[in-house]
PDB file of N, CA and C in Angstrom:
ATOM      1  N   HIS A   1      12.878 -38.775  32.263  1.00  0.00           N
ATOM      2  CA  HIS A   1      12.642 -37.839  31.196  1.00  0.00           C
ATOM      3  C   HIS A   1      11.447 -36.956  31.530  1.00  0.00           C
ATOM      4  N   LEU A   2      11.570 -35.681  31.214  1.00  0.00           N
ATOM      5  CA  LEU A   2      10.454 -34.760  31.420  1.00  0.00           C
ATOM      6  C   LEU A   2       9.581 -34.718  30.179  1.00  0.00           C
ATOM      7  N   THR A   3       8.307 -34.519  30.403  1.00  0.00           N
ATOM      8  CA  THR A   3       7.351 -34.382  29.315  1.00  0.00           C
ATOM      9  C   THR A   3       6.610 -33.066  29.485  1.00  0.00           C
ATOM     10  N   LEU A   4       5.977 -32.631  28.425  1.00  0.00           N
ATOM     11  CA  LEU A   4       5.127 -31.449  28.476  1.00  0.00           C
ATOM     12  C   LEU A   4       3.733 -31.929  28.848  1.00  0.00           C
ATOM     13  N   ASP A   5       3.166 -31.371  29.904  1.00  0.00           N
ATOM     14  CA  ASP A   5       1.863 -31.805  30.394  1.00  0.00           C
ATOM     15  C   ASP A   5       0.898 -30.635  30.385  1.00  0.00           C
ATOM     16  N   HIS A   6      -0.294 -30.874  29.897  1.00  0.00           N
ATOM     17  CA  HIS A   6      -1.337 -29.848  29.923  1.00  0.00           C
ATOM     18  C   HIS A   6      -2.088 -29.964  31.243  1.00  0.00           C
ATOM     19  N   VAL A   7      -2.154 -28.884  32.006  1.00  0.00           N
ATOM     20  CA  VAL A   7      -2.862 -28.882  33.286  1.00  0.00           C
ATOM     21  C   VAL A   7      -4.318 -29.264  33.054  1.00  0.00           C
ATOM     22  N   ILE A   8      -4.968 -28.568  32.155  1.00  0.00           N
ATOM     23  CA  ILE A   8      -6.302 -28.954  31.698  1.00  0.00           C
ATOM     24  C   ILE A   8      -6.083 -29.622  30.346  1.00  0.00           C
ATOM     25  N   PRO A   9      -6.327 -30.926  30.249  1.00  0.00           N
ATOM     26  CA  PRO A   9      -6.064 -31.637  28.995  1.00  0.00           C
ATOM     27  C   PRO A   9      -6.755 -30.978  27.806  1.00  0.00           C
ATOM     28  N   ARG A  10      -6.092 -31.031  26.669  1.00  0.00           N
ATOM     29  CA  ARG A  10      -6.672 -30.443  25.463  1.00  0.00           C
ATOM     30  C   ARG A  10      -7.998 -31.110  25.121  1.00  0.00           C
ATOM     31  N   SER A  11      -8.134 -32.386  25.458  1.00  0.00           N
ATOM     32  CA  SER A  11      -9.389 -33.097  25.193  1.00  0.00           C
ATOM     33  C   SER A  11     -10.545 -32.560  26.035  1.00  0.00           C
ATOM     34  N   LYS A  12     -10.209 -31.802  27.095  1.00  0.00           N
ATOM     35  CA  LYS A  12     -11.243 -31.214  27.957  1.00  0.00           C
ATOM     36  C   LYS A  12     -11.319 -29.704  27.782  1.00  0.00           C
ATOM     37  N   GLY A  13     -10.780 -29.203  26.660  1.00  0.00           N
ATOM     38  CA  GLY A  13     -10.864 -27.782  26.364  1.00  0.00           C
ATOM     39  C   GLY A  13      -9.652 -26.970  26.764  1.00  0.00           C
ATOM     40  N   GLY A  14      -8.624 -27.620  27.296  1.00  0.00           N
ATOM     41  CA  GLY A  14      -7.400 -26.913  27.665  1.00  0.00           C
ATOM     42  C   GLY A  14      -6.661 -26.410  26.436  1.00  0.00           C
ATOM     43  N   THR A  15      -5.903 -25.359  26.623  1.00  0.00           N
ATOM     44  CA  THR A  15      -5.164 -24.761  25.514  1.00  0.00           C
ATOM     45  C   THR A  15      -3.686 -25.119  25.595  1.00  0.00           C
ATOM     46  N   HIS A  16      -3.002 -24.952  24.479  1.00  0.00           N
ATOM     47  CA  HIS A  16      -1.558 -25.195  24.417  1.00  0.00           C
ATOM     48  C   HIS A  16      -0.865 -23.839  24.595  1.00  0.00           C
ATOM     49  N   THR A  17      -0.998 -23.276  25.805  1.00  0.00           N
ATOM     50  CA  THR A  17      -0.436 -21.965  26.128  1.00  0.00           C
ATOM     51  C   THR A  17       0.375 -22.080  27.410  1.00  0.00           C
ATOM     52  N   TRP A  18       1.244 -21.068  27.665  1.00  0.00           N
ATOM     53  CA  TRP A  18       2.132 -21.105  28.829  1.00  0.00           C
ATOM     54  C   TRP A  18       1.384 -21.281  30.142  1.00  0.00           C
ATOM     55  N   ASP A  19       0.173 -20.722  30.247  1.00  0.00           N
ATOM     56  CA  ASP A  19      -0.546 -20.821  31.517  1.00  0.00           C
ATOM     57  C   ASP A  19      -1.266 -22.161  31.695  1.00  0.00           C
ATOM     58  N   ASN A  20      -1.108 -23.072  30.726  1.00  0.00           N
ATOM     59  CA  ASN A  20      -1.737 -24.385  30.839  1.00  0.00           C
ATOM     60  C   ASN A  20      -0.754 -25.539  30.634  1.00  0.00           C
ATOM     61  N   VAL A  21       0.541 -25.252  30.544  1.00  0.00           N
ATOM     62  CA  VAL A  21       1.512 -26.336  30.380  1.00  0.00           C
ATOM     63  C   VAL A  21       2.559 -26.292  31.484  1.00  0.00           C
ATOM     64  N   VAL A  22       2.974 -27.471  31.895  1.00  0.00           N
ATOM     65  CA  VAL A  22       4.026 -27.639  32.894  1.00  0.00           C
ATOM     66  C   VAL A  22       4.876 -28.828  32.457  1.00  0.00           C
ATOM     67  N   THR A  23       6.026 -28.992  33.090  1.00  0.00           N
ATOM     68  CA  THR A  23       6.802 -30.198  32.851  1.00  0.00           C
ATOM     69  C   THR A  23       6.403 -31.234  33.892  1.00  0.00           C
ATOM     70  N   ALA A  24       6.435 -32.478  33.486  1.00  0.00           N
ATOM     71  CA  ALA A  24       6.105 -33.583  34.390  1.00  0.00           C
ATOM     72  C   ALA A  24       6.907 -34.805  33.970  1.00  0.00           C
ATOM     73  N   CYS A  25       7.241 -35.633  34.928  1.00  0.00           N
ATOM     74  CA  CYS A  25       7.917 -36.883  34.572  1.00  0.00           C
ATOM     75  C   CYS A  25       6.913 -37.750  33.805  1.00  0.00           C
ATOM     76  N   GLU A  26       7.440 -38.694  33.043  1.00  0.00           N
ATOM     77  CA  GLU A  26       6.574 -39.551  32.231  1.00  0.00           C
ATOM     78  C   GLU A  26       5.542 -40.290  33.083  1.00  0.00           C
ATOM     79  N   LYS A  27       5.960 -40.766  34.260  1.00  0.00           N
ATOM     80  CA  LYS A  27       5.049 -41.518  35.129  1.00  0.00           C
ATOM     81  C   LYS A  27       3.874 -40.648  35.581  1.00  0.00           C
ATOM     82  N   CYS A  28       4.179 -39.424  36.043  1.00  0.00           N
ATOM     83  CA  CYS A  28       3.104 -38.535  36.510  1.00  0.00           C
ATOM     84  C   CYS A  28       2.200 -38.118  35.360  1.00  0.00           C
ATOM     85  N   ASN A  29       2.784 -37.817  34.211  1.00  0.00           N
ATOM     86  CA  ASN A  29       1.988 -37.395  33.066  1.00  0.00           C
ATOM     87  C   ASN A  29       1.075 -38.529  32.608  1.00  0.00           C
ATOM     88  N   SER A  30       1.596 -39.739  32.539  1.00  0.00           N
ATOM     89  CA  SER A  30       0.774 -40.851  32.062  1.00  0.00           C
ATOM     90  C   SER A  30      -0.280 -41.271  33.084  1.00  0.00           C
ATOM     91  N   SER A  31      -0.103 -40.901  34.355  1.00  0.00           N
ATOM     92  CA  SER A  31      -1.099 -41.276  35.366  1.00  0.00           C
ATOM     93  C   SER A  31      -2.417 -40.534  35.181  1.00  0.00           C
ATOM     94  N   LYS A  32      -2.407 -39.484  34.372  1.00  0.00           N
ATOM     95  CA  LYS A  32      -3.638 -38.735  34.123  1.00  0.00           C
ATOM     96  C   LYS A  32      -4.546 -39.432  33.123  1.00  0.00           C
ATOM     97  N   GLY A  33      -4.012 -40.392  32.372  1.00  0.00           N
ATOM     98  CA  GLY A  33      -4.820 -41.086  31.373  1.00  0.00           C
ATOM     99  C   GLY A  33      -4.424 -42.539  31.271  1.00  0.00           C
ATOM    100  N   GLU A  34      -5.234 -43.301  30.590  1.00  0.00           N
ATOM    101  CA  GLU A  34      -4.949 -44.717  30.412  1.00  0.00           C
ATOM    102  C   GLU A  34      -3.666 -44.914  29.612  1.00  0.00           C
ATOM    103  N   SER A  35      -3.499 -44.122  28.576  1.00  0.00           N
ATOM    104  CA  SER A  35      -2.289 -44.173  27.760  1.00  0.00           C
ATOM    105  C   SER A  35      -2.181 -42.851  27.019  1.00  0.00           C
ATOM    106  N   PRO A  36      -0.992 -42.509  26.526  1.00  0.00           N
ATOM    107  CA  PRO A  36      -0.858 -41.238  25.807  1.00  0.00           C
ATOM    108  C   PRO A  36      -1.797 -41.125  24.617  1.00  0.00           C
ATOM    109  N   SER A  37      -2.167 -42.252  23.998  1.00  0.00           N
ATOM    110  CA  SER A  37      -3.050 -42.197  22.830  1.00  0.00           C
ATOM    111  C   SER A  37      -4.527 -42.101  23.210  1.00  0.00           C
ATOM    112  N   ASP A  38      -4.850 -42.292  24.482  1.00  0.00           N
ATOM    113  CA  ASP A  38      -6.235 -42.275  24.931  1.00  0.00           C
ATOM    114  C   ASP A  38      -6.589 -40.903  25.489  1.00  0.00           C
ATOM    115  N   ARG A  39      -6.579 -39.898  24.644  1.00  0.00           N
ATOM    116  CA  ARG A  39      -6.770 -38.505  25.064  1.00  0.00           C
ATOM    117  C   ARG A  39      -8.129 -38.249  25.720  1.00  0.00           C
ATOM    118  N   LEU A  40      -9.168 -38.950  25.325  1.00  0.00           N
ATOM    119  CA  LEU A  40     -10.500 -38.678  25.858  1.00  0.00           C
ATOM    120  C   LEU A  40     -10.663 -39.124  27.305  1.00  0.00           C
ATOM    121  N   ARG A  41      -9.781 -39.984  27.797  1.00  0.00           N
ATOM    122  CA  ARG A  41      -9.904 -40.481  29.166  1.00  0.00           C
ATOM    123  C   ARG A  41      -8.999 -39.731  30.130  1.00  0.00           C
ATOM    124  N   GLN A  42      -8.296 -38.723  29.669  1.00  0.00           N
ATOM    125  CA  GLN A  42      -7.396 -38.002  30.564  1.00  0.00           C
ATOM    126  C   GLN A  42      -8.179 -37.294  31.656  1.00  0.00           C
ATOM    127  N   ARG A  43      -7.570 -37.286  32.843  1.00  0.00           N
ATOM    128  CA  ARG A  43      -8.226 -36.695  34.006  1.00  0.00           C
ATOM    129  C   ARG A  43      -7.516 -35.418  34.431  1.00  0.00           C
ATOM    130  N   LEU A  44      -8.219 -34.611  35.188  1.00  0.00           N
ATOM    131  CA  LEU A  44      -7.639 -33.396  35.734  1.00  0.00           C
ATOM    132  C   LEU A  44      -6.769 -33.750  36.935  1.00  0.00           C
ATOM    133  N   LEU A  45      -5.816 -32.874  37.263  1.00  0.00           N
ATOM    134  CA  LEU A  45      -4.893 -33.142  38.365  1.00  0.00           C
ATOM    135  C   LEU A  45      -5.618 -33.459  39.669  1.00  0.00           C
ATOM    136  N   HIS A  46      -6.606 -32.644  40.028  1.00  0.00           N
ATOM    137  CA  HIS A  46      -7.290 -32.869  41.307  1.00  0.00           C
ATOM    138  C   HIS A  46      -8.059 -34.192  41.327  1.00  0.00           C
ATOM    139  N   GLU A  47      -8.398 -34.718  40.162  1.00  0.00           N
ATOM    140  CA  GLU A  47      -9.114 -35.993  40.101  1.00  0.00           C
ATOM    141  C   GLU A  47      -8.220 -37.178  40.479  1.00  0.00           C
ATOM    142  N   ILE A  48      -6.902 -36.986  40.406  1.00  0.00           N
ATOM    143  CA  ILE A  48      -5.979 -38.068  40.777  1.00  0.00           C
ATOM    144  C   ILE A  48      -5.139 -37.681  41.989  1.00  0.00           C
ATOM    145  N   GLY A  49      -5.550 -36.620  42.693  1.00  0.00           N
ATOM    146  CA  GLY A  49      -4.887 -36.230  43.931  1.00  0.00           C
ATOM    147  C   GLY A  49      -3.574 -35.489  43.755  1.00  0.00           C
ATOM    148  N   MET A  50      -3.346 -34.879  42.609  1.00  0.00           N
ATOM    149  CA  MET A  50      -2.112 -34.123  42.380  1.00  0.00           C
ATOM    150  C   MET A  50      -2.390 -32.628  42.511  1.00  0.00           C
ATOM    151  N   VAL A  51      -1.376 -31.893  42.948  1.00  0.00           N
ATOM    152  CA  VAL A  51      -1.487 -30.446  43.121  1.00  0.00           C
ATOM    153  C   VAL A  51      -0.258 -29.800  42.492  1.00  0.00           C
ATOM    154  N   LEU A  52      -0.458 -28.708  41.770  1.00  0.00           N
ATOM    155  CA  LEU A  52       0.669 -27.972  41.200  1.00  0.00           C
ATOM    156  C   LEU A  52       1.433 -27.256  42.304  1.00  0.00           C
ATOM    157  N   ARG A  53       2.749 -27.233  42.204  1.00  0.00           N
ATOM    158  CA  ARG A  53       3.562 -26.510  43.190  1.00  0.00           C
ATOM    159  C   ARG A  53       3.501 -25.008  42.952  1.00  0.00           C
ATOM    160  N   THR A  54       3.456 -24.619  41.694  1.00  0.00           N
ATOM    161  CA  THR A  54       3.352 -23.204  41.338  1.00  0.00           C
ATOM    162  C   THR A  54       2.395 -23.062  40.165  1.00  0.00           C
ATOM    163  N   LYS A  55       1.880 -21.868  39.999  1.00  0.00           N
ATOM    164  CA  LYS A  55       0.977 -21.587  38.892  1.00  0.00           C
ATOM    165  C   LYS A  55       1.796 -21.483  37.603  1.00  0.00           C
ATOM    166  N   PRO A  56       1.386 -22.166  36.536  1.00  0.00           N
ATOM    167  CA  PRO A  56       2.129 -22.080  35.278  1.00  0.00           C
ATOM    168  C   PRO A  56       2.123 -20.656  34.729  1.00  0.00           C
ATOM    169  N   LYS A  57       3.252 -20.271  34.129  1.00  0.00           N
ATOM    170  CA  LYS A  57       3.350 -18.948  33.506  1.00  0.00           C
ATOM    171  C   LYS A  57       4.456 -18.977  32.466  1.00  0.00           C
ATOM    172  N   ALA A  58       4.459 -17.988  31.616  1.00  0.00           N
ATOM    173  CA  ALA A  58       5.483 -17.886  30.571  1.00  0.00           C
ATOM    174  C   ALA A  58       6.852 -17.669  31.206  1.00  0.00           C
ATOM    175  N   PRO A  59       7.909 -18.193  30.581  1.00  0.00           N
ATOM    176  CA  PRO A  59       9.253 -17.964  31.112  1.00  0.00           C
ATOM    177  C   PRO A  59       9.568 -16.475  31.150  1.00  0.00           C
ATOM    178  N   MET A  60      10.316 -16.088  32.158  1.00  0.00           N
ATOM    179  CA  MET A  60      10.701 -14.684  32.294  1.00  0.00           C
ATOM    180  C   MET A  60      12.098 -14.516  31.711  1.00  0.00           C
ATOM    181  N   HIS A  61      12.201 -13.822  30.606  1.00  0.00           N
ATOM    182  CA  HIS A  61      13.488 -13.667  29.931  1.00  0.00           C
ATOM    183  C   HIS A  61      14.558 -13.012  30.802  1.00  0.00           C
ATOM    184  N   PRO A  62      14.260 -11.957  31.577  1.00  0.00           N
ATOM    185  CA  PRO A  62      15.309 -11.382  32.427  1.00  0.00           C
ATOM    186  C   PRO A  62      15.864 -12.394  33.427  1.00  0.00           C
ATOM    187  N   ALA A  63      15.004 -13.251  33.951  1.00  0.00           N
ATOM    188  CA  ALA A  63      15.475 -14.257  34.903  1.00  0.00           C
ATOM    189  C   ALA A  63      16.411 -15.248  34.220  1.00  0.00           C
ATOM    190  N   LEU A  64      16.082 -15.615  33.000  1.00  0.00           N
ATOM    191  CA  LEU A  64      16.946 -16.531  32.260  1.00  0.00           C
ATOM    192  C   LEU A  64      18.281 -15.874  31.958  1.00  0.00           C
ATOM    193  N   ALA A  65      18.254 -14.593  31.627  1.00  0.00           N
ATOM    194  CA  ALA A  65      19.498 -13.871  31.366  1.00  0.00           C
ATOM    195  C   ALA A  65      20.343 -13.799  32.630  1.00  0.00           C
ATOM    196  N   GLN A  66      19.702 -13.550  33.767  1.00  0.00           N
ATOM    197  CA  GLN A  66      20.422 -13.483  35.039  1.00  0.00           C
ATOM    198  C   GLN A  66      21.025 -14.839  35.381  1.00  0.00           C
ATOM    199  N   LEU A  67      20.300 -15.896  35.150  1.00  0.00           N
ATOM    200  CA  LEU A  67      20.812 -17.241  35.396  1.00  0.00           C
ATOM    201  C   LEU A  67      22.022 -17.515  34.511  1.00  0.00           C
ATOM    202  N   SER A  68      21.929 -17.132  33.257  1.00  0.00           N
ATOM    203  CA  SER A  68      23.035 -17.326  32.325  1.00  0.00           C
ATOM    204  C   SER A  68      24.276 -16.568  32.779  1.00  0.00           C
ATOM    205  N   GLU A  69      24.085 -15.337  33.247  1.00  0.00           N
ATOM    206  CA  GLU A  69      25.211 -14.545  33.752  1.00  0.00           C
ATOM    207  C   GLU A  69      25.828 -15.216  34.974  1.00  0.00           C
ATOM    208  N   GLY A  70      24.998 -15.768  35.848  1.00  0.00           N
ATOM    209  CA  GLY A  70      25.499 -16.453  37.038  1.00  0.00           C
ATOM    210  C   GLY A  70      26.321 -17.676  36.681  1.00  0.00           C
ATOM    211  N   ILE A  71      25.873 -18.408  35.680  1.00  0.00           N
ATOM    212  CA  ILE A  71      26.614 -19.590  35.239  1.00  0.00           C
ATOM    213  C   ILE A  71      27.949 -19.174  34.637  1.00  0.00           C
ATOM    214  N   ALA A  72      27.947 -18.134  33.817  1.00  0.00           N
ATOM    215  CA  ALA A  72      29.190 -17.647  33.213  1.00  0.00           C
ATOM    216  C   ALA A  72      30.164 -17.194  34.298  1.00  0.00           C
ATOM    217  N   PHE A  73      29.664 -16.498  35.333  1.00  0.00           N
ATOM    218  CA  PHE A  73      30.514 -16.053  36.436  1.00  0.00           C
ATOM    219  C   PHE A  73      31.112 -17.252  37.160  1.00  0.00           C
ATOM    220  N   ALA A  74      30.289 -18.263  37.437  1.00  0.00           N
ATOM    221  CA  ALA A  74      30.762 -19.456  38.144  1.00  0.00           C
ATOM    222  C   ALA A  74      31.827 -20.189  37.334  1.00  0.00           C
ATOM    223  N   GLU A  75      31.622 -20.283  36.026  1.00  0.00           N
ATOM    224  CA  GLU A  75      32.613 -20.942  35.173  1.00  0.00           C
ATOM    225  C   GLU A  75      33.935 -20.188  35.191  1.00  0.00           C
ATOM    226  N   GLN A  76      33.875 -18.857  35.100  1.00  0.00           N
ATOM    227  CA  GLN A  76      35.089 -18.047  35.121  1.00  0.00           C
ATOM    228  C   GLN A  76      35.796 -18.175  36.470  1.00  0.00           C
ATOM    229  N   PHE A  77      35.039 -18.132  37.548  1.00  0.00           N
ATOM    230  CA  PHE A  77      35.610 -18.280  38.884  1.00  0.00           C
ATOM    231  C   PHE A  77      36.317 -19.629  39.011  1.00  0.00           C
ATOM    232  N   TRP A  78      35.671 -20.688  38.523  1.00  0.00           N
ATOM    233  CA  TRP A  78      36.264 -22.030  38.594  1.00  0.00           C
ATOM    234  C   TRP A  78      37.588 -22.066  37.829  1.00  0.00           C
ATOM    235  N   LYS A  79      37.596 -21.489  36.640  1.00  0.00           N
ATOM    236  CA  LYS A  79      38.821 -21.486  35.828  1.00  0.00           C
ATOM    237  C   LYS A  79      39.946 -20.736  36.532  1.00  0.00           C
ATOM    238  N   GLU A  80      39.611 -19.628  37.188  1.00  0.00           N
ATOM    239  CA  GLU A  80      40.628 -18.845  37.892  1.00  0.00           C
ATOM    240  C   GLU A  80      41.166 -19.602  39.103  1.00  0.00           C
ATOM    241  N   GLN A  81      40.320 -20.351  39.772  1.00  0.00           N
ATOM    242  CA  GLN A  81      40.724 -21.081  40.973  1.00  0.00           C
ATOM    243  C   GLN A  81      41.387 -22.423  40.664  1.00  0.00           C
ATOM    244  N   HIS A  82      41.171 -22.930  39.467  1.00  0.00           N
ATOM    245  CA  HIS A  82      41.703 -24.234  39.080  1.00  0.00           C
ATOM    246  C   HIS A  82      42.391 -24.143  37.718  1.00  0.00           C
ATOM    247  N   PRO A  83      43.511 -23.431  37.648  1.00  0.00           N
ATOM    248  CA  PRO A  83      44.196 -23.300  36.351  1.00  0.00           C
ATOM    249  C   PRO A  83      44.739 -24.650  35.879  1.00  0.00           C
ATOM    250  N   VAL A  84      44.728 -24.808  34.592  1.00  0.00           N
ATOM    251  CA  VAL A  84      45.237 -26.041  33.993  1.00  0.00           C
ATOM    252  C   VAL A  84      46.509 -25.700  33.234  1.00  0.00           C
ATOM    253  N   ASP A  85      47.603 -26.353  33.609  1.00  0.00           N
ATOM    254  CA  ASP A  85      48.860 -26.151  32.901  1.00  0.00           C
ATOM    255  C   ASP A  85      48.939 -27.131  31.744  1.00  0.00           C
ATOM    256  N   LEU A  86      49.114 -26.601  30.566  1.00  0.00           N
ATOM    257  CA  LEU A  86      49.232 -27.474  29.393  1.00  0.00           C
ATOM    258  C   LEU A  86      50.661 -27.612  28.966  1.00  0.00           C
TER     259      LEU A  86
END
């Protein structure tokens, strides 16, 4: 399961904004602190040897629209290549 992770924990002044949130698996997210309820002990990524693959940013709506169009095209192509006789 993916969780929402704050790059700079809110307990350390981090904000709940697109440039400070990423998705992380539960194991990686919980490794930053003793437990989810122990917000004051959360550590920064570099303190536990983790590095972000990309800089967090707001989703790009045109990219999402393009992805959606690609999925619709693939679905239509599949239907044309694999007709189902009822």
